[in-house]
Amino acid sequence: MKNIAVFDLGGSSVKYGIINSLGELLFKGSFATPKDSFESLLIKMSKVFESMKKFNSIGVSISSPGAVNSLTGIIGGISAIPYIHNFQIKKAFEDVFNLPVEIENDGNCSALAEFWLGNGKNFKSMISLVLGSGVGGAVIQNEKLINGKTYQSGEFGYMLLEGNKTWSSLCSTVSLVKKAQEITEIEDLDGVKLFNLCTSKNPEIGTLLNNYYLNLSKGIYNLQCAFDSDTIIVSGGISSNPIFFQNFLKNLDNFYNSLEDKVEKPFIQKALFENDSNLIGAAYNFIEKSKKHRV
């Protein structure tokens, strides 16, 4: 059994672990993301890697924010970790770890985890839809991850839904909760608790949530028009709330029923993996890239 050292670079923390070729997570941990420099990040990651030496990893795979170009080994775009962009970061990691390194976008890694071992494993085409501070995701068509010309495929949040308003601005969980806090004056309200509120006692919250569901349905409809995918898999903090998911599916049905000319409604599923999905997807990315290198 071959093991892979995996890292998931996030704005607040870096998760890490060891995953074998069956997708089993053998070990995991995390540390706070350094705020000052890439050198500080390398030092932290090197110490972690040394502590995992007993697993005899055959390589290192990294899930990262930004427009990751796996061919050049450069991360374009912008992210919550500004010092990882626009230089030969893959080579820098290979020089430190002295092993083969693969890097892929974090949203793509999440989709790959579902495709490999999650709720997308029985399908050839799937869309991963991540609902959080914005709207993101990834597209897999004919068993291949679609990166796009500029490696920004899956940036669904930039789609325009209402005039010049983006899908992210209309369906951001952060802005939704903020509006709900102003209405209810509940300070500790979060994205999960919000969908548990009794809307019959607070019609303003009912209107707010109905608009959210409507915009979510519009975006999903557009994705299905564009990709005609086998399934759309939804993840993100609010997806863990069964009340949200139940009402979301009900509103999606109502939206489809209101349309005269329409494409077939997609098969919607909740993601199987949550917190460890980027690590699992990073391991799968390494395994698949290794196969190509051997050909």
C-alpha atoms as a PDB file:
ATOM      1  CA  MET A   1       0.000   0.000   0.000  1.00  0.00           C
ATOM      2  CA  LYS A   2       1.446   3.378  -1.034  1.00  0.00           C
ATOM      3  CA  ASN A   3       1.047   6.488   1.126  1.00  0.00           C
ATOM      4  CA  ILE A   4       0.831  10.133   0.107  1.00  0.00           C
ATOM      5  CA  ALA A   5       1.510  13.153   2.320  1.00  0.00           C
ATOM      6  CA  VAL A   6      -1.251  15.700   1.772  1.00  0.00           C
ATOM      7  CA  PHE A   7      -1.658  19.369   2.690  1.00  0.00           C
ATOM      8  CA  ASP A   8      -4.675  21.653   2.400  1.00  0.00           C
ATOM      9  CA  LEU A   9      -3.671  25.334   2.409  1.00  0.00           C
ATOM     10  CA  GLY A  10      -6.355  27.570   3.889  1.00  0.00           C
ATOM     11  CA  GLY A  11      -6.522  31.214   4.858  1.00  0.00           C
ATOM     12  CA  SER A  12      -6.713  30.476   8.591  1.00  0.00           C
ATOM     13  CA  SER A  13      -5.237  26.987   8.886  1.00  0.00           C
ATOM     14  CA  VAL A  14      -3.250  24.359   7.016  1.00  0.00           C
ATOM     15  CA  LYS A  15      -4.574  20.813   7.320  1.00  0.00           C
ATOM     16  CA  TYR A  16      -2.284  17.887   6.680  1.00  0.00           C
ATOM     17  CA  GLY A  17      -2.300  14.118   6.768  1.00  0.00           C
ATOM     18  CA  ILE A  18      -1.338  10.799   5.280  1.00  0.00           C
ATOM     19  CA  ILE A  19      -3.683   9.068   2.839  1.00  0.00           C
ATOM     20  CA  ASN A  20      -3.064   5.690   1.241  1.00  0.00           C
ATOM     21  CA  SER A  21      -3.911   4.595  -2.286  1.00  0.00           C
ATOM     22  CA  LEU A  22      -7.328   3.338  -1.133  1.00  0.00           C
ATOM     23  CA  GLY A  23      -8.245   6.800   0.113  1.00  0.00           C
ATOM     24  CA  GLU A  24      -7.922   5.888   3.789  1.00  0.00           C
ATOM     25  CA  LEU A  25      -6.881   8.757   6.059  1.00  0.00           C
ATOM     26  CA  LEU A  26      -4.190   7.293   8.310  1.00  0.00           C
ATOM     27  CA  PHE A  27      -3.142  10.431  10.145  1.00  0.00           C
ATOM     28  CA  LYS A  28      -4.146  14.088  10.234  1.00  0.00           C
ATOM     29  CA  GLY A  29      -3.547  17.381  11.977  1.00  0.00           C
ATOM     30  CA  SER A  30      -3.454  21.131  11.379  1.00  0.00           C
ATOM     31  CA  PHE A  31      -1.576  24.323  12.201  1.00  0.00           C
ATOM     32  CA  ALA A  32      -2.331  28.028  11.893  1.00  0.00           C
ATOM     33  CA  THR A  33      -1.437  29.471   8.487  1.00  0.00           C
ATOM     34  CA  PRO A  34       1.572  31.808   8.814  1.00  0.00           C
ATOM     35  CA  LYS A  35       0.633  35.371   7.959  1.00  0.00           C
ATOM     36  CA  ASP A  36       4.069  36.757   7.090  1.00  0.00           C
ATOM     37  CA  SER A  37       5.808  34.807   4.325  1.00  0.00           C
ATOM     38  CA  PHE A  38       6.108  31.705   2.174  1.00  0.00           C
ATOM     39  CA  GLU A  39       9.359  30.889   3.967  1.00  0.00           C
ATOM     40  CA  SER A  40       7.472  30.624   7.268  1.00  0.00           C
ATOM     41  CA  LEU A  41       4.941  28.322   5.613  1.00  0.00           C
ATOM     42  CA  LEU A  42       7.741  26.122   4.236  1.00  0.00           C
ATOM     43  CA  ILE A  43       9.330  25.814   7.677  1.00  0.00           C
ATOM     44  CA  LYS A  44       6.031  24.718   9.232  1.00  0.00           C
ATOM     45  CA  MET A  45       5.262  22.246   6.449  1.00  0.00           C
ATOM     46  CA  SER A  46       8.793  20.814   6.567  1.00  0.00           C
ATOM     47  CA  LYS A  47       8.525  20.126  10.299  1.00  0.00           C
ATOM     48  CA  VAL A  48       5.171  18.418   9.803  1.00  0.00           C
ATOM     49  CA  PHE A  49       6.538  16.372   6.924  1.00  0.00           C
ATOM     50  CA  GLU A  50       9.503  15.229   9.035  1.00  0.00           C
ATOM     51  CA  SER A  51       7.093  14.108  11.763  1.00  0.00           C
ATOM     52  CA  MET A  52       5.291  11.927   9.199  1.00  0.00           C
ATOM     53  CA  LYS A  53       8.426  10.306   7.778  1.00  0.00           C
ATOM     54  CA  LYS A  54       7.521   6.918   9.298  1.00  0.00           C
ATOM     55  CA  PHE A  55       4.710   6.581   6.728  1.00  0.00           C
ATOM     56  CA  ASN A  56       7.263   6.464   3.877  1.00  0.00           C
ATOM     57  CA  SER A  57       5.263   8.679   1.516  1.00  0.00           C
ATOM     58  CA  ILE A  58       5.915   8.319  -2.207  1.00  0.00           C
ATOM     59  CA  GLY A  59       5.010  11.958  -2.822  1.00  0.00           C
ATOM     60  CA  VAL A  60       3.336  15.129  -1.597  1.00  0.00           C
ATOM     61  CA  SER A  61       0.036  16.505  -2.846  1.00  0.00           C
ATOM     62  CA  ILE A  62      -1.295  19.958  -2.049  1.00  0.00           C
ATOM     63  CA  SER A  63      -4.755  21.491  -2.165  1.00  0.00           C
ATOM     64  CA  SER A  64      -4.478  25.245  -2.624  1.00  0.00           C
ATOM     65  CA  PRO A  65      -6.634  28.301  -3.223  1.00  0.00           C
ATOM     66  CA  GLY A  66      -6.126  30.309  -6.402  1.00  0.00           C
ATOM     67  CA  ALA A  67      -5.870  29.521 -10.104  1.00  0.00           C
ATOM     68  CA  VAL A  68      -3.520  26.549  -9.910  1.00  0.00           C
ATOM     69  CA  ASN A  69      -1.685  25.747 -13.143  1.00  0.00           C
ATOM     70  CA  SER A  70      -0.545  22.182 -12.598  1.00  0.00           C
ATOM     71  CA  LEU A  71       1.588  22.269 -15.762  1.00  0.00           C
ATOM     72  CA  THR A  72       3.720  25.294 -14.897  1.00  0.00           C
ATOM     73  CA  GLY A  73       3.576  24.798 -11.136  1.00  0.00           C
ATOM     74  CA  ILE A  74       2.447  28.404 -10.641  1.00  0.00           C
ATOM     75  CA  ILE A  75      -0.618  29.597  -8.711  1.00  0.00           C
ATOM     76  CA  GLY A  76      -2.247  32.584 -10.392  1.00  0.00           C
ATOM     77  CA  GLY A  77      -5.136  34.763  -9.300  1.00  0.00           C
ATOM     78  CA  ILE A  78      -5.553  35.943  -5.720  1.00  0.00           C
ATOM     79  CA  SER A  79      -6.446  34.242  -2.449  1.00  0.00           C
ATOM     80  CA  ALA A  80      -6.450  34.599   1.324  1.00  0.00           C
ATOM     81  CA  ILE A  81      -2.761  33.574   1.261  1.00  0.00           C
ATOM     82  CA  PRO A  82      -1.148  36.312  -0.875  1.00  0.00           C
ATOM     83  CA  TYR A  83       2.434  34.997  -0.738  1.00  0.00           C
ATOM     84  CA  ILE A  84       1.733  31.731  -2.621  1.00  0.00           C
ATOM     85  CA  HIS A  85       1.084  33.370  -6.004  1.00  0.00           C
ATOM     86  CA  ASN A  86       2.995  33.939  -9.238  1.00  0.00           C
ATOM     87  CA  PHE A  87       6.240  32.028  -8.775  1.00  0.00           C
ATOM     88  CA  GLN A  88       7.475  28.434  -9.203  1.00  0.00           C
ATOM     89  CA  ILE A  89       5.864  27.193  -6.007  1.00  0.00           C
ATOM     90  CA  LYS A  90       5.719  23.545  -7.070  1.00  0.00           C
ATOM     91  CA  LYS A  91       9.490  23.460  -7.607  1.00  0.00           C
ATOM     92  CA  ALA A  92      10.008  25.161  -4.240  1.00  0.00           C
ATOM     93  CA  PHE A  93       8.037  22.389  -2.545  1.00  0.00           C
ATOM     94  CA  GLU A  94       9.873  19.665  -4.477  1.00  0.00           C
ATOM     95  CA  ASP A  95      13.229  21.117  -3.447  1.00  0.00           C
ATOM     96  CA  VAL A  96      12.214  21.012   0.220  1.00  0.00           C
ATOM     97  CA  PHE A  97      10.451  17.637   0.328  1.00  0.00           C
ATOM     98  CA  ASN A  98      12.772  15.943  -2.191  1.00  0.00           C
ATOM     99  CA  LEU A  99       9.769  14.040  -3.556  1.00  0.00           C
ATOM    100  CA  PRO A 100       7.333  14.457  -6.470  1.00  0.00           C
ATOM    101  CA  VAL A 101       4.763  17.164  -5.712  1.00  0.00           C
ATOM    102  CA  GLU A 102       1.353  17.829  -7.251  1.00  0.00           C
ATOM    103  CA  ILE A 103      -0.823  20.900  -6.615  1.00  0.00           C
ATOM    104  CA  GLU A 104      -4.495  21.427  -7.448  1.00  0.00           C
ATOM    105  CA  ASN A 105      -7.122  24.055  -6.646  1.00  0.00           C
ATOM    106  CA  ASP A 106      -8.961  23.367  -3.372  1.00  0.00           C
ATOM    107  CA  GLY A 107     -12.429  23.459  -4.959  1.00  0.00           C
ATOM    108  CA  ASN A 108     -11.250  20.972  -7.570  1.00  0.00           C
ATOM    109  CA  CYS A 109      -9.829  18.730  -4.849  1.00  0.00           C
ATOM    110  CA  SER A 110     -13.170  18.714  -3.063  1.00  0.00           C
ATOM    111  CA  ALA A 111     -14.871  17.627  -6.293  1.00  0.00           C
ATOM    112  CA  LEU A 112     -12.249  14.936  -6.926  1.00  0.00           C
ATOM    113  CA  ALA A 113     -12.870  13.473  -3.467  1.00  0.00           C
ATOM    114  CA  GLU A 114     -16.582  13.092  -4.219  1.00  0.00           C
ATOM    115  CA  PHE A 115     -15.833  11.677  -7.666  1.00  0.00           C
ATOM    116  CA  TRP A 116     -13.325   9.145  -6.313  1.00  0.00           C
ATOM    117  CA  LEU A 117     -15.007   7.862  -3.150  1.00  0.00           C
ATOM    118  CA  GLY A 118     -18.034  10.031  -2.449  1.00  0.00           C
ATOM    119  CA  ASN A 119     -21.489  10.555  -3.893  1.00  0.00           C
ATOM    120  CA  GLY A 120     -20.108  11.096  -7.385  1.00  0.00           C
ATOM    121  CA  LYS A 121     -18.255   7.789  -7.664  1.00  0.00           C
ATOM    122  CA  ASN A 122     -20.959   6.139  -9.809  1.00  0.00           C
ATOM    123  CA  PHE A 123     -21.157   8.962 -12.347  1.00  0.00           C
ATOM    124  CA  LYS A 124     -19.027  10.033 -15.302  1.00  0.00           C
ATOM    125  CA  SER A 125     -20.027  13.698 -15.061  1.00  0.00           C
ATOM    126  CA  MET A 126     -20.706  15.792 -11.987  1.00  0.00           C
ATOM    127  CA  ILE A 127     -20.741  19.353 -10.727  1.00  0.00           C
ATOM    128  CA  SER A 128     -19.484  20.217  -7.270  1.00  0.00           C
ATOM    129  CA  LEU A 129     -21.265  23.262  -5.822  1.00  0.00           C
ATOM    130  CA  VAL A 130     -19.765  24.813  -2.692  1.00  0.00           C
ATOM    131  CA  LEU A 131     -21.909  27.263  -0.703  1.00  0.00           C
ATOM    132  CA  GLY A 132     -20.012  29.444   1.728  1.00  0.00           C
ATOM    133  CA  SER A 133     -18.771  33.026   1.849  1.00  0.00           C
ATOM    134  CA  GLY A 134     -19.397  32.909  -1.892  1.00  0.00           C
ATOM    135  CA  VAL A 135     -20.356  30.300  -4.464  1.00  0.00           C
ATOM    136  CA  GLY A 136     -17.726  28.051  -6.011  1.00  0.00           C
ATOM    137  CA  GLY A 137     -17.139  24.546  -7.198  1.00  0.00           C
ATOM    138  CA  ALA A 138     -15.797  22.426 -10.001  1.00  0.00           C
ATOM    139  CA  VAL A 139     -16.848  20.510 -13.106  1.00  0.00           C
ATOM    140  CA  ILE A 140     -15.994  16.938 -14.030  1.00  0.00           C
ATOM    141  CA  GLN A 141     -17.044  15.861 -17.529  1.00  0.00           C
ATOM    142  CA  ASN A 142     -16.485  12.390 -18.968  1.00  0.00           C
ATOM    143  CA  GLU A 143     -14.411  11.486 -15.904  1.00  0.00           C
ATOM    144  CA  LYS A 144     -12.044  14.422 -16.425  1.00  0.00           C
ATOM    145  CA  LEU A 145     -11.652  17.549 -14.336  1.00  0.00           C
ATOM    146  CA  ILE A 146     -12.290  20.685 -16.411  1.00  0.00           C
ATOM    147  CA  ASN A 147      -9.705  23.360 -15.575  1.00  0.00           C
ATOM    148  CA  GLY A 148     -10.360  25.883 -18.335  1.00  0.00           C
ATOM    149  CA  LYS A 149      -8.035  28.141 -20.315  1.00  0.00           C
ATOM    150  CA  THR A 150      -7.021  30.237 -17.296  1.00  0.00           C
ATOM    151  CA  TYR A 151      -7.540  27.488 -14.705  1.00  0.00           C
ATOM    152  CA  GLN A 152     -10.603  29.223 -13.297  1.00  0.00           C
ATOM    153  CA  SER A 153     -13.331  26.802 -14.344  1.00  0.00           C
ATOM    154  CA  GLY A 154     -15.811  26.326 -11.502  1.00  0.00           C
ATOM    155  CA  GLU A 155     -15.776  29.960 -10.376  1.00  0.00           C
ATOM    156  CA  PHE A 156     -19.564  29.871 -10.507  1.00  0.00           C
ATOM    157  CA  GLY A 157     -19.904  32.783  -8.121  1.00  0.00           C
ATOM    158  CA  TYR A 158     -19.021  35.242 -10.888  1.00  0.00           C
ATOM    159  CA  MET A 159     -22.094  34.267 -12.914  1.00  0.00           C
ATOM    160  CA  LEU A 160     -24.606  37.104 -13.271  1.00  0.00           C
ATOM    161  CA  LEU A 161     -28.124  36.329 -12.104  1.00  0.00           C
ATOM    162  CA  GLU A 162     -29.904  39.610 -11.468  1.00  0.00           C
ATOM    163  CA  GLY A 163     -28.681  42.494 -13.602  1.00  0.00           C
ATOM    164  CA  ASN A 164     -24.991  42.884 -12.742  1.00  0.00           C
ATOM    165  CA  LYS A 165     -25.310  41.092  -9.399  1.00  0.00           C
ATOM    166  CA  THR A 166     -23.198  37.960  -9.156  1.00  0.00           C
ATOM    167  CA  TRP A 167     -24.365  34.617  -7.835  1.00  0.00           C
ATOM    168  CA  SER A 168     -21.909  34.952  -4.928  1.00  0.00           C
ATOM    169  CA  SER A 169     -23.300  38.336  -3.898  1.00  0.00           C
ATOM    170  CA  LEU A 170     -26.847  36.958  -3.970  1.00  0.00           C
ATOM    171  CA  CYS A 171     -26.104  33.623  -2.269  1.00  0.00           C
ATOM    172  CA  SER A 172     -23.261  34.413   0.109  1.00  0.00           C
ATOM    173  CA  THR A 173     -23.947  32.725   3.446  1.00  0.00           C
ATOM    174  CA  VAL A 174     -22.048  35.497   5.216  1.00  0.00           C
ATOM    175  CA  SER A 175     -24.207  38.301   3.789  1.00  0.00           C
ATOM    176  CA  LEU A 176     -27.359  36.214   4.300  1.00  0.00           C
ATOM    177  CA  VAL A 177     -26.595  35.742   7.998  1.00  0.00           C
ATOM    178  CA  LYS A 178     -25.722  39.431   8.388  1.00  0.00           C
ATOM    179  CA  LYS A 179     -29.088  40.469   6.953  1.00  0.00           C
ATOM    180  CA  ALA A 180     -30.861  37.956   9.190  1.00  0.00           C
ATOM    181  CA  GLN A 181     -29.027  39.286  12.259  1.00  0.00           C
ATOM    182  CA  GLU A 182     -30.242  42.801  11.469  1.00  0.00           C
ATOM    183  CA  ILE A 183     -33.823  41.518  11.248  1.00  0.00           C
ATOM    184  CA  THR A 184     -33.812  39.215  14.293  1.00  0.00           C
ATOM    185  CA  GLU A 185     -31.166  40.935  16.449  1.00  0.00           C
ATOM    186  CA  ILE A 186     -29.791  37.468  17.281  1.00  0.00           C
ATOM    187  CA  GLU A 187     -26.049  38.031  17.648  1.00  0.00           C
ATOM    188  CA  ASP A 188     -24.900  34.390  17.628  1.00  0.00           C
ATOM    189  CA  LEU A 189     -26.907  33.494  14.530  1.00  0.00           C
ATOM    190  CA  ASP A 190     -24.960  31.440  11.995  1.00  0.00           C
ATOM    191  CA  GLY A 191     -25.573  29.766   8.646  1.00  0.00           C
ATOM    192  CA  VAL A 192     -26.845  26.555  10.221  1.00  0.00           C
ATOM    193  CA  LYS A 193     -29.087  28.107  12.893  1.00  0.00           C
ATOM    194  CA  LEU A 194     -30.620  30.539  10.408  1.00  0.00           C
ATOM    195  CA  PHE A 195     -32.447  27.825   8.512  1.00  0.00           C
ATOM    196  CA  ASN A 196     -33.958  26.502  11.759  1.00  0.00           C
ATOM    197  CA  LEU A 197     -35.809  29.747  12.452  1.00  0.00           C
ATOM    198  CA  CYS A 198     -39.595  29.626  12.368  1.00  0.00           C
ATOM    199  CA  THR A 199     -40.495  31.739   9.338  1.00  0.00           C
ATOM    200  CA  SER A 200     -44.228  31.804  10.216  1.00  0.00           C
ATOM    201  CA  LYS A 201     -43.378  33.945  13.234  1.00  0.00           C
ATOM    202  CA  ASN A 202     -40.992  36.122  11.257  1.00  0.00           C
ATOM    203  CA  PRO A 203     -42.197  36.795   7.706  1.00  0.00           C
ATOM    204  CA  GLU A 204     -39.163  38.987   6.957  1.00  0.00           C
ATOM    205  CA  ILE A 205     -36.896  35.974   7.481  1.00  0.00           C
ATOM    206  CA  GLY A 206     -39.251  33.943   5.316  1.00  0.00           C
ATOM    207  CA  THR A 207     -38.904  36.467   2.482  1.00  0.00           C
ATOM    208  CA  LEU A 208     -35.119  36.583   2.906  1.00  0.00           C
ATOM    209  CA  LEU A 209     -34.797  32.795   2.711  1.00  0.00           C
ATOM    210  CA  ASN A 210     -37.235  32.485  -0.186  1.00  0.00           C
ATOM    211  CA  ASN A 211     -35.137  34.944  -2.208  1.00  0.00           C
ATOM    212  CA  TYR A 212     -32.027  32.956  -1.312  1.00  0.00           C
ATOM    213  CA  TYR A 213     -33.603  29.693  -2.457  1.00  0.00           C
ATOM    214  CA  LEU A 214     -34.831  31.327  -5.655  1.00  0.00           C
ATOM    215  CA  ASN A 215     -31.382  32.626  -6.578  1.00  0.00           C
ATOM    216  CA  LEU A 216     -29.832  29.287  -5.678  1.00  0.00           C
ATOM    217  CA  SER A 217     -32.339  27.552  -7.955  1.00  0.00           C
ATOM    218  CA  LYS A 218     -31.647  29.959 -10.825  1.00  0.00           C
ATOM    219  CA  GLY A 219     -27.917  29.345 -10.620  1.00  0.00           C
ATOM    220  CA  ILE A 220     -28.344  25.578 -10.504  1.00  0.00           C
ATOM    221  CA  TYR A 221     -30.686  25.716 -13.480  1.00  0.00           C
ATOM    222  CA  ASN A 222     -28.061  27.650 -15.456  1.00  0.00           C
ATOM    223  CA  LEU A 223     -25.368  25.123 -14.538  1.00  0.00           C
ATOM    224  CA  GLN A 224     -27.525  22.272 -15.741  1.00  0.00           C
ATOM    225  CA  CYS A 225     -28.242  24.123 -18.993  1.00  0.00           C
ATOM    226  CA  ALA A 226     -24.513  24.575 -19.566  1.00  0.00           C
ATOM    227  CA  PHE A 227     -23.196  21.158 -18.559  1.00  0.00           C
ATOM    228  CA  ASP A 228     -26.131  18.675 -18.556  1.00  0.00           C
ATOM    229  CA  SER A 229     -24.394  16.897 -15.683  1.00  0.00           C
ATOM    230  CA  ASP A 230     -25.319  13.507 -14.217  1.00  0.00           C
ATOM    231  CA  THR A 231     -25.465  14.983 -10.725  1.00  0.00           C
ATOM    232  CA  ILE A 232     -24.845  18.185  -8.792  1.00  0.00           C
ATOM    233  CA  ILE A 233     -23.264  17.641  -5.382  1.00  0.00           C
ATOM    234  CA  VAL A 234     -23.747  20.432  -2.830  1.00  0.00           C
ATOM    235  CA  SER A 235     -21.343  21.110   0.031  1.00  0.00           C
ATOM    236  CA  GLY A 236     -20.531  23.904   2.465  1.00  0.00           C
ATOM    237  CA  GLY A 237     -21.465  24.572   6.076  1.00  0.00           C
ATOM    238  CA  ILE A 238     -25.194  25.096   5.541  1.00  0.00           C
ATOM    239  CA  SER A 239     -25.561  21.850   3.593  1.00  0.00           C
ATOM    240  CA  SER A 240     -25.106  19.948   6.862  1.00  0.00           C
ATOM    241  CA  ASN A 241     -28.460  21.290   8.064  1.00  0.00           C
ATOM    242  CA  PRO A 242     -31.200  18.814   6.988  1.00  0.00           C
ATOM    243  CA  ILE A 243     -33.848  21.552   7.210  1.00  0.00           C
ATOM    244  CA  PHE A 244     -31.918  23.663   4.711  1.00  0.00           C
ATOM    245  CA  PHE A 245     -31.544  20.753   2.328  1.00  0.00           C
ATOM    246  CA  GLN A 246     -35.197  19.747   2.581  1.00  0.00           C
ATOM    247  CA  ASN A 247     -36.440  23.294   1.930  1.00  0.00           C
ATOM    248  CA  PHE A 248     -33.860  23.830  -0.794  1.00  0.00           C
ATOM    249  CA  LEU A 249     -35.081  20.774  -2.749  1.00  0.00           C
ATOM    250  CA  LYS A 250     -38.704  21.819  -2.249  1.00  0.00           C
ATOM    251  CA  ASN A 251     -37.990  25.317  -3.574  1.00  0.00           C
ATOM    252  CA  LEU A 252     -36.030  23.903  -6.508  1.00  0.00           C
ATOM    253  CA  ASP A 253     -39.070  21.770  -7.409  1.00  0.00           C
ATOM    254  CA  ASN A 254     -41.323  24.819  -7.234  1.00  0.00           C
ATOM    255  CA  PHE A 255     -38.945  26.803  -9.422  1.00  0.00           C
ATOM    256  CA  TYR A 256     -38.835  24.076 -12.066  1.00  0.00           C
ATOM    257  CA  ASN A 257     -42.609  23.724 -11.993  1.00  0.00           C
ATOM    258  CA  SER A 258     -42.937  27.459 -12.696  1.00  0.00           C
ATOM    259  CA  LEU A 259     -40.980  27.163 -15.957  1.00  0.00           C
ATOM    260  CA  GLU A 260     -42.563  26.307 -19.298  1.00  0.00           C
ATOM    261  CA  ASP A 261     -39.521  25.539 -21.465  1.00  0.00           C
ATOM    262  CA  LYS A 262     -36.794  23.914 -19.392  1.00  0.00           C
ATOM    263  CA  VAL A 263     -33.991  21.382 -19.282  1.00  0.00           C
ATOM    264  CA  GLU A 264     -34.334  18.275 -17.168  1.00  0.00           C
ATOM    265  CA  LYS A 265     -33.960  18.886 -13.443  1.00  0.00           C
ATOM    266  CA  PRO A 266     -30.565  17.725 -12.146  1.00  0.00           C
ATOM    267  CA  PHE A 267     -30.070  14.992  -9.559  1.00  0.00           C
ATOM    268  CA  ILE A 268     -29.079  16.929  -6.439  1.00  0.00           C
ATOM    269  CA  GLN A 269     -27.065  15.313  -3.662  1.00  0.00           C
ATOM    270  CA  LYS A 270     -25.402  16.428  -0.455  1.00  0.00           C
ATOM    271  CA  ALA A 271     -21.650  15.888  -0.403  1.00  0.00           C
ATOM    272  CA  LEU A 272     -20.472  12.827   1.488  1.00  0.00           C
ATOM    273  CA  PHE A 273     -17.215  14.421   2.586  1.00  0.00           C
ATOM    274  CA  GLU A 274     -16.831  17.742   4.375  1.00  0.00           C
ATOM    275  CA  ASN A 275     -13.746  18.716   6.391  1.00  0.00           C
ATOM    276  CA  ASP A 276     -11.384  16.121   4.915  1.00  0.00           C
ATOM    277  CA  SER A 277     -12.539  16.377   1.308  1.00  0.00           C
ATOM    278  CA  ASN A 278      -9.656  18.575   0.105  1.00  0.00           C
ATOM    279  CA  LEU A 279      -7.082  16.175   1.566  1.00  0.00           C
ATOM    280  CA  ILE A 280      -8.763  13.149  -0.027  1.00  0.00           C
ATOM    281  CA  GLY A 281      -9.092  14.916  -3.374  1.00  0.00           C
ATOM    282  CA  ALA A 282      -5.455  16.001  -3.263  1.00  0.00           C
ATOM    283  CA  ALA A 283      -4.412  12.364  -2.808  1.00  0.00           C
ATOM    284  CA  TYR A 284      -6.536  11.289  -5.773  1.00  0.00           C
ATOM    285  CA  ASN A 285      -5.033  14.076  -7.889  1.00  0.00           C
ATOM    286  CA  PHE A 286      -1.528  12.770  -7.093  1.00  0.00           C
ATOM    287  CA  ILE A 287      -2.513   9.187  -7.938  1.00  0.00           C
ATOM    288  CA  GLU A 288      -4.024  10.182 -11.299  1.00  0.00           C
ATOM    289  CA  LYS A 289      -1.136  12.494 -12.242  1.00  0.00           C
ATOM    290  CA  SER A 290       1.339   9.723 -11.357  1.00  0.00           C
ATOM    291  CA  LYS A 291      -0.425   7.385 -13.777  1.00  0.00           C
ATOM    292  CA  LYS A 292      -0.031   9.926 -16.592  1.00  0.00           C
ATOM    293  CA  HIS A 293       3.642  10.438 -15.825  1.00  0.00           C
ATOM    294  CA  ARG A 294       4.249   6.695 -16.138  1.00  0.00           C
ATOM    295  CA  VAL A 295       2.643   6.491 -19.586  1.00  0.00           C
END
